[in-house]
Amino acid sequence: QVQLVESGGGLVQAGGSLRLSCTASGSGFSIYVMGWYRQAPGKQRELVATITIRGSTTTYADSVKGRFTISRDSAKTTVYLQMNSLKPDDTAVYYCNARPYGLPASWGQGTQVTVSS
């Protein structure tokens, strides 16, 4: 079982920046993709960005391209989401996701990001 702990959410003005972190722990697994999703009130959860753990291949939602950057640390246990030029539309609960080989995907508890106009 993969445990995910997120941090870094908060309140920021439009145009500001935040960095989210997600650390994976546990044993008996190997993760091949980690990512960030978000869910705004009344909306479905949507993909924000993903990164492969071995090759660091990244994907982004069109709405965040050029503003958000996903990365991972060298130990491959922590994933970051650097969010710049934040907009009120970015307001949501952000969830970390990990997909291990041969196991169901795991989710973090979520961290609130609020962008004021």
N, C-alpha and C. Protein backbone atom coordinates (compact mmCIF):
# COMPACT_ATOMS: atom_id res chain seq x y z
N GLN A 1 0.85 -1.19 0.00
CA GLN A 1 0.00 0.00 0.00
C GLN A 1 0.88 1.24 0.00
N VAL A 2 0.51 2.19 -0.85
CA VAL A 2 1.24 3.45 -0.95
C VAL A 2 0.52 4.50 -0.13
N GLN A 3 1.24 5.15 0.76
CA GLN A 3 0.68 6.29 1.49
C GLN A 3 1.22 7.57 0.88
N LEU A 4 0.35 8.54 0.68
CA LEU A 4 0.72 9.82 0.08
C LEU A 4 0.36 10.94 1.04
N VAL A 5 1.32 11.82 1.28
CA VAL A 5 1.09 12.98 2.14
C VAL A 5 1.40 14.24 1.35
N GLU A 6 0.42 15.12 1.27
CA GLU A 6 0.55 16.36 0.50
C GLU A 6 0.74 17.53 1.45
N SER A 7 1.36 18.58 0.92
CA SER A 7 1.49 19.82 1.66
C SER A 7 1.68 20.96 0.67
N GLY A 8 1.50 22.19 1.16
CA GLY A 8 1.82 23.34 0.35
C GLY A 8 0.65 24.15 -0.14
N GLY A 9 -0.57 23.72 0.12
CA GLY A 9 -1.70 24.52 -0.32
C GLY A 9 -1.85 25.78 0.49
N GLY A 10 -2.80 26.62 0.09
CA GLY A 10 -3.04 27.85 0.84
C GLY A 10 -3.80 28.86 0.03
N LEU A 11 -3.78 30.09 0.53
CA LEU A 11 -4.48 31.21 -0.10
C LEU A 11 -3.45 32.12 -0.74
N VAL A 12 -3.70 32.50 -1.98
CA VAL A 12 -2.77 33.37 -2.69
C VAL A 12 -3.56 34.29 -3.60
N GLN A 13 -3.01 35.45 -3.87
CA GLN A 13 -3.67 36.37 -4.80
C GLN A 13 -3.40 35.96 -6.24
N ALA A 14 -4.29 36.35 -7.12
CA ALA A 14 -4.10 36.08 -8.54
C ALA A 14 -2.75 36.61 -8.99
N GLY A 15 -2.07 35.80 -9.80
CA GLY A 15 -0.73 36.16 -10.25
C GLY A 15 0.37 35.62 -9.37
N GLY A 16 0.00 35.11 -8.21
CA GLY A 16 0.98 34.59 -7.26
C GLY A 16 1.38 33.16 -7.56
N SER A 17 2.19 32.60 -6.66
CA SER A 17 2.74 31.26 -6.84
C SER A 17 2.57 30.43 -5.58
N LEU A 18 2.48 29.13 -5.78
CA LEU A 18 2.49 28.16 -4.70
C LEU A 18 3.22 26.92 -5.18
N ARG A 19 3.79 26.18 -4.23
CA ARG A 19 4.40 24.89 -4.59
C ARG A 19 3.80 23.81 -3.71
N LEU A 20 3.26 22.80 -4.36
CA LEU A 20 2.71 21.64 -3.65
C LEU A 20 3.75 20.52 -3.62
N SER A 21 3.74 19.77 -2.53
CA SER A 21 4.62 18.61 -2.41
C SER A 21 3.79 17.38 -2.08
N CYS A 22 4.26 16.23 -2.54
CA CYS A 22 3.60 14.96 -2.24
C CYS A 22 4.68 13.92 -2.03
N THR A 23 4.68 13.32 -0.86
CA THR A 23 5.68 12.31 -0.54
C THR A 23 5.02 10.94 -0.40
N ALA A 24 5.59 9.97 -1.10
CA ALA A 24 5.08 8.60 -1.05
C ALA A 24 5.87 7.79 -0.03
N SER A 25 5.19 6.95 0.69
CA SER A 25 5.85 6.06 1.65
C SER A 25 5.16 4.72 1.64
N GLY A 26 5.78 3.75 2.29
CA GLY A 26 5.26 2.40 2.33
C GLY A 26 6.33 1.45 1.83
N SER A 27 5.96 0.22 1.61
CA SER A 27 6.94 -0.77 1.15
C SER A 27 6.26 -1.76 0.22
N GLY A 28 7.09 -2.45 -0.52
CA GLY A 28 6.59 -3.50 -1.39
C GLY A 28 5.96 -3.03 -2.67
N PHE A 29 6.38 -1.84 -3.13
CA PHE A 29 5.81 -1.36 -4.38
C PHE A 29 6.85 -0.57 -5.16
N SER A 30 6.56 -0.38 -6.42
CA SER A 30 7.36 0.47 -7.28
C SER A 30 6.39 1.31 -8.09
N ILE A 31 6.56 2.60 -8.02
CA ILE A 31 5.63 3.52 -8.68
C ILE A 31 6.13 3.85 -10.06
N TYR A 32 5.23 3.88 -11.05
CA TYR A 32 5.68 4.25 -12.39
C TYR A 32 5.18 5.63 -12.82
N VAL A 33 4.10 6.11 -12.24
CA VAL A 33 3.60 7.46 -12.56
C VAL A 33 3.06 8.10 -11.30
N MET A 34 3.37 9.37 -11.12
CA MET A 34 2.71 10.17 -10.08
C MET A 34 2.14 11.41 -10.73
N GLY A 35 1.12 11.95 -10.10
CA GLY A 35 0.51 13.12 -10.71
C GLY A 35 -0.32 13.92 -9.74
N TRP A 36 -0.83 15.02 -10.24
CA TRP A 36 -1.70 15.90 -9.49
C TRP A 36 -3.03 16.04 -10.23
N TYR A 37 -4.09 15.96 -9.49
CA TYR A 37 -5.43 16.19 -9.98
C TYR A 37 -6.05 17.28 -9.12
N ARG A 38 -7.13 17.86 -9.61
CA ARG A 38 -7.82 18.87 -8.80
C ARG A 38 -9.32 18.76 -9.00
N GLN A 39 -10.03 19.21 -7.96
CA GLN A 39 -11.49 19.20 -8.02
C GLN A 39 -12.02 20.48 -7.42
N ALA A 40 -12.69 21.25 -8.27
CA ALA A 40 -13.32 22.49 -7.82
C ALA A 40 -14.75 22.18 -7.39
N PRO A 41 -15.36 23.02 -6.55
CA PRO A 41 -16.73 22.78 -6.11
C PRO A 41 -17.68 22.61 -7.27
N GLY A 42 -18.46 21.55 -7.24
CA GLY A 42 -19.46 21.31 -8.28
C GLY A 42 -18.90 20.78 -9.58
N LYS A 43 -17.61 20.50 -9.62
CA LYS A 43 -17.00 20.00 -10.86
C LYS A 43 -16.36 18.63 -10.62
N GLN A 44 -16.11 17.94 -11.72
CA GLN A 44 -15.45 16.64 -11.64
C GLN A 44 -13.95 16.82 -11.40
N ARG A 45 -13.35 15.80 -10.81
CA ARG A 45 -11.91 15.81 -10.63
C ARG A 45 -11.24 15.76 -12.00
N GLU A 46 -10.22 16.56 -12.19
CA GLU A 46 -9.54 16.61 -13.48
C GLU A 46 -8.03 16.50 -13.31
N LEU A 47 -7.42 15.98 -14.36
CA LEU A 47 -5.98 15.85 -14.38
C LEU A 47 -5.33 17.22 -14.49
N VAL A 48 -4.26 17.43 -13.70
CA VAL A 48 -3.47 18.65 -13.82
C VAL A 48 -2.14 18.36 -14.49
N ALA A 49 -1.40 17.39 -13.95
CA ALA A 49 -0.08 17.05 -14.49
C ALA A 49 0.34 15.68 -13.98
N THR A 50 1.16 14.99 -14.80
CA THR A 50 1.73 13.71 -14.38
C THR A 50 3.21 13.67 -14.73
N ILE A 51 3.93 12.79 -14.05
CA ILE A 51 5.34 12.59 -14.33
C ILE A 51 5.68 11.13 -14.13
N THR A 52 6.41 10.54 -15.07
CA THR A 52 6.87 9.18 -14.90
C THR A 52 8.09 9.19 -13.99
N ILE A 53 8.15 8.21 -13.12
CA ILE A 53 9.19 8.23 -12.10
C ILE A 53 10.56 7.90 -12.68
N ARG A 54 10.63 7.02 -13.64
CA ARG A 54 11.94 6.64 -14.20
C ARG A 54 12.44 7.63 -15.22
N GLY A 55 11.61 7.98 -16.17
CA GLY A 55 12.08 8.83 -17.27
C GLY A 55 11.74 10.29 -17.12
N SER A 56 10.95 10.63 -16.11
CA SER A 56 10.53 12.02 -15.89
C SER A 56 9.79 12.61 -17.08
N THR A 57 9.07 11.78 -17.80
CA THR A 57 8.22 12.30 -18.87
C THR A 57 7.00 12.96 -18.23
N THR A 58 6.68 14.16 -18.69
CA THR A 58 5.60 14.92 -18.09
C THR A 58 4.45 15.15 -19.06
N THR A 59 3.26 15.30 -18.49
CA THR A 59 2.08 15.70 -19.25
C THR A 59 1.35 16.76 -18.44
N TYR A 60 0.67 17.66 -19.15
CA TYR A 60 -0.04 18.75 -18.50
C TYR A 60 -1.41 18.95 -19.13
N ALA A 61 -2.36 19.37 -18.31
CA ALA A 61 -3.62 19.84 -18.85
C ALA A 61 -3.37 21.12 -19.63
N ASP A 62 -4.12 21.35 -20.69
CA ASP A 62 -3.93 22.55 -21.50
C ASP A 62 -4.08 23.82 -20.66
N SER A 63 -4.95 23.77 -19.67
CA SER A 63 -5.24 24.95 -18.87
C SER A 63 -4.08 25.40 -17.99
N VAL A 64 -3.10 24.53 -17.77
CA VAL A 64 -1.99 24.88 -16.90
C VAL A 64 -0.65 24.91 -17.61
N LYS A 65 -0.62 24.55 -18.87
CA LYS A 65 0.64 24.54 -19.62
C LYS A 65 1.27 25.93 -19.61
N GLY A 66 2.57 25.95 -19.36
CA GLY A 66 3.29 27.21 -19.32
C GLY A 66 3.23 27.92 -17.98
N ARG A 67 2.37 27.45 -17.08
CA ARG A 67 2.25 28.07 -15.76
C ARG A 67 2.66 27.12 -14.64
N PHE A 68 2.35 25.84 -14.80
CA PHE A 68 2.64 24.84 -13.77
C PHE A 68 3.78 23.95 -14.24
N THR A 69 4.58 23.49 -13.28
CA THR A 69 5.67 22.56 -13.57
C THR A 69 5.66 21.44 -12.55
N ILE A 70 5.62 20.21 -13.05
CA ILE A 70 5.70 19.05 -12.16
C ILE A 70 7.12 18.51 -12.20
N SER A 71 7.61 18.09 -11.05
CA SER A 71 8.96 17.55 -10.98
C SER A 71 9.02 16.54 -9.83
N ARG A 72 10.14 15.84 -9.74
CA ARG A 72 10.31 14.87 -8.66
C ARG A 72 11.72 14.99 -8.11
N ASP A 73 11.91 14.51 -6.90
CA ASP A 73 13.25 14.55 -6.32
C ASP A 73 14.07 13.34 -6.77
N SER A 74 15.36 13.38 -6.53
CA SER A 74 16.26 12.33 -7.01
C SER A 74 15.97 10.99 -6.34
N ALA A 75 15.42 11.02 -5.14
CA ALA A 75 15.07 9.77 -4.46
C ALA A 75 13.79 9.17 -5.01
N LYS A 76 13.09 9.94 -5.85
CA LYS A 76 11.88 9.47 -6.55
C LYS A 76 10.74 9.16 -5.59
N THR A 77 10.75 9.81 -4.42
CA THR A 77 9.65 9.58 -3.49
C THR A 77 8.80 10.82 -3.29
N THR A 78 9.26 11.97 -3.76
CA THR A 78 8.52 13.21 -3.59
C THR A 78 8.31 13.87 -4.95
N VAL A 79 7.09 14.29 -5.18
CA VAL A 79 6.73 14.98 -6.41
C VAL A 79 6.27 16.38 -6.04
N TYR A 80 6.65 17.34 -6.86
CA TYR A 80 6.31 18.73 -6.63
C TYR A 80 5.44 19.27 -7.76
N LEU A 81 4.63 20.24 -7.43
CA LEU A 81 3.89 20.98 -8.45
C LEU A 81 4.12 22.47 -8.19
N GLN A 82 4.94 23.08 -9.02
CA GLN A 82 5.18 24.51 -8.93
C GLN A 82 4.10 25.21 -9.75
N MET A 83 3.34 26.06 -9.09
CA MET A 83 2.23 26.74 -9.74
C MET A 83 2.51 28.24 -9.76
N ASN A 84 2.67 28.78 -10.95
CA ASN A 84 2.92 30.21 -11.13
C ASN A 84 1.76 30.87 -11.87
N SER A 85 1.71 32.17 -11.80
CA SER A 85 0.66 32.94 -12.48
C SER A 85 -0.72 32.37 -12.18
N LEU A 86 -0.96 32.13 -10.93
CA LEU A 86 -2.22 31.50 -10.54
C LEU A 86 -3.42 32.38 -10.84
N LYS A 87 -4.51 31.73 -11.20
CA LYS A 87 -5.75 32.40 -11.54
C LYS A 87 -6.86 31.94 -10.59
N PRO A 88 -7.91 32.73 -10.43
CA PRO A 88 -9.03 32.27 -9.59
C PRO A 88 -9.59 30.92 -10.06
N ASP A 89 -9.54 30.64 -11.35
CA ASP A 89 -10.03 29.36 -11.87
C ASP A 89 -9.20 28.17 -11.40
N ASP A 90 -8.02 28.43 -10.85
CA ASP A 90 -7.18 27.35 -10.31
C ASP A 90 -7.62 26.94 -8.92
N THR A 91 -8.55 27.67 -8.34
CA THR A 91 -9.04 27.32 -7.00
C THR A 91 -9.69 25.94 -7.01
N ALA A 92 -9.19 25.08 -6.13
CA ALA A 92 -9.68 23.70 -6.07
C ALA A 92 -8.96 22.97 -4.93
N VAL A 93 -9.44 21.77 -4.65
CA VAL A 93 -8.67 20.85 -3.81
C VAL A 93 -7.77 20.05 -4.74
N TYR A 94 -6.49 20.05 -4.45
CA TYR A 94 -5.51 19.35 -5.28
C TYR A 94 -5.14 18.02 -4.62
N TYR A 95 -5.20 16.97 -5.42
CA TYR A 95 -4.94 15.62 -4.93
C TYR A 95 -3.72 15.03 -5.62
N CYS A 96 -2.87 14.42 -4.83
CA CYS A 96 -1.74 13.67 -5.37
C CYS A 96 -2.21 12.26 -5.70
N ASN A 97 -1.66 11.71 -6.75
CA ASN A 97 -2.01 10.36 -7.20
C ASN A 97 -0.74 9.59 -7.53
N ALA A 98 -0.73 8.32 -7.16
CA ALA A 98 0.40 7.45 -7.49
C ALA A 98 -0.12 6.15 -8.06
N ARG A 99 0.52 5.70 -9.13
CA ARG A 99 0.14 4.44 -9.75
C ARG A 99 1.31 3.47 -9.64
N PRO A 100 1.19 2.51 -8.71
CA PRO A 100 2.25 1.51 -8.57
C PRO A 100 2.03 0.35 -9.53
N TYR A 101 3.11 -0.34 -9.87
CA TYR A 101 2.99 -1.55 -10.68
C TYR A 101 2.21 -2.60 -9.90
N GLY A 102 1.17 -3.15 -10.52
CA GLY A 102 0.46 -4.27 -9.93
C GLY A 102 -0.42 -3.98 -8.74
N LEU A 103 -0.61 -2.71 -8.41
CA LEU A 103 -1.45 -2.32 -7.29
C LEU A 103 -2.42 -1.23 -7.72
N PRO A 104 -3.52 -1.08 -7.00
CA PRO A 104 -4.44 0.01 -7.34
C PRO A 104 -3.78 1.37 -7.12
N ALA A 105 -4.28 2.36 -7.81
CA ALA A 105 -3.78 3.71 -7.62
C ALA A 105 -4.09 4.20 -6.21
N SER A 106 -3.22 5.06 -5.70
CA SER A 106 -3.42 5.65 -4.38
C SER A 106 -3.64 7.14 -4.51
N TRP A 107 -4.38 7.70 -3.55
CA TRP A 107 -4.67 9.13 -3.54
C TRP A 107 -4.25 9.72 -2.20
N GLY A 108 -3.81 10.98 -2.25
CA GLY A 108 -3.58 11.71 -1.04
C GLY A 108 -4.88 12.27 -0.49
N GLN A 109 -4.77 12.93 0.65
CA GLN A 109 -5.96 13.44 1.32
C GLN A 109 -6.47 14.75 0.71
N GLY A 110 -5.66 15.38 -0.10
CA GLY A 110 -6.05 16.62 -0.75
C GLY A 110 -5.56 17.84 0.01
N THR A 111 -5.23 18.88 -0.73
CA THR A 111 -4.81 20.14 -0.14
C THR A 111 -5.52 21.28 -0.87
N GLN A 112 -6.06 22.21 -0.10
CA GLN A 112 -6.85 23.29 -0.68
C GLN A 112 -5.95 24.39 -1.24
N VAL A 113 -6.24 24.79 -2.46
CA VAL A 113 -5.60 25.95 -3.08
C VAL A 113 -6.69 26.96 -3.40
N THR A 114 -6.57 28.16 -2.87
CA THR A 114 -7.54 29.21 -3.11
C THR A 114 -6.83 30.42 -3.69
N VAL A 115 -7.29 30.86 -4.85
CA VAL A 115 -6.70 32.02 -5.52
C VAL A 115 -7.73 33.15 -5.53
N SER A 116 -7.40 34.23 -4.88
CA SER A 116 -8.32 35.37 -4.81
C SER A 116 -8.06 36.34 -5.96
N SER A 117 -9.11 36.98 -6.39
CA SER A 117 -8.98 37.93 -7.52
C SER A 117 -8.68 39.33 -7.04
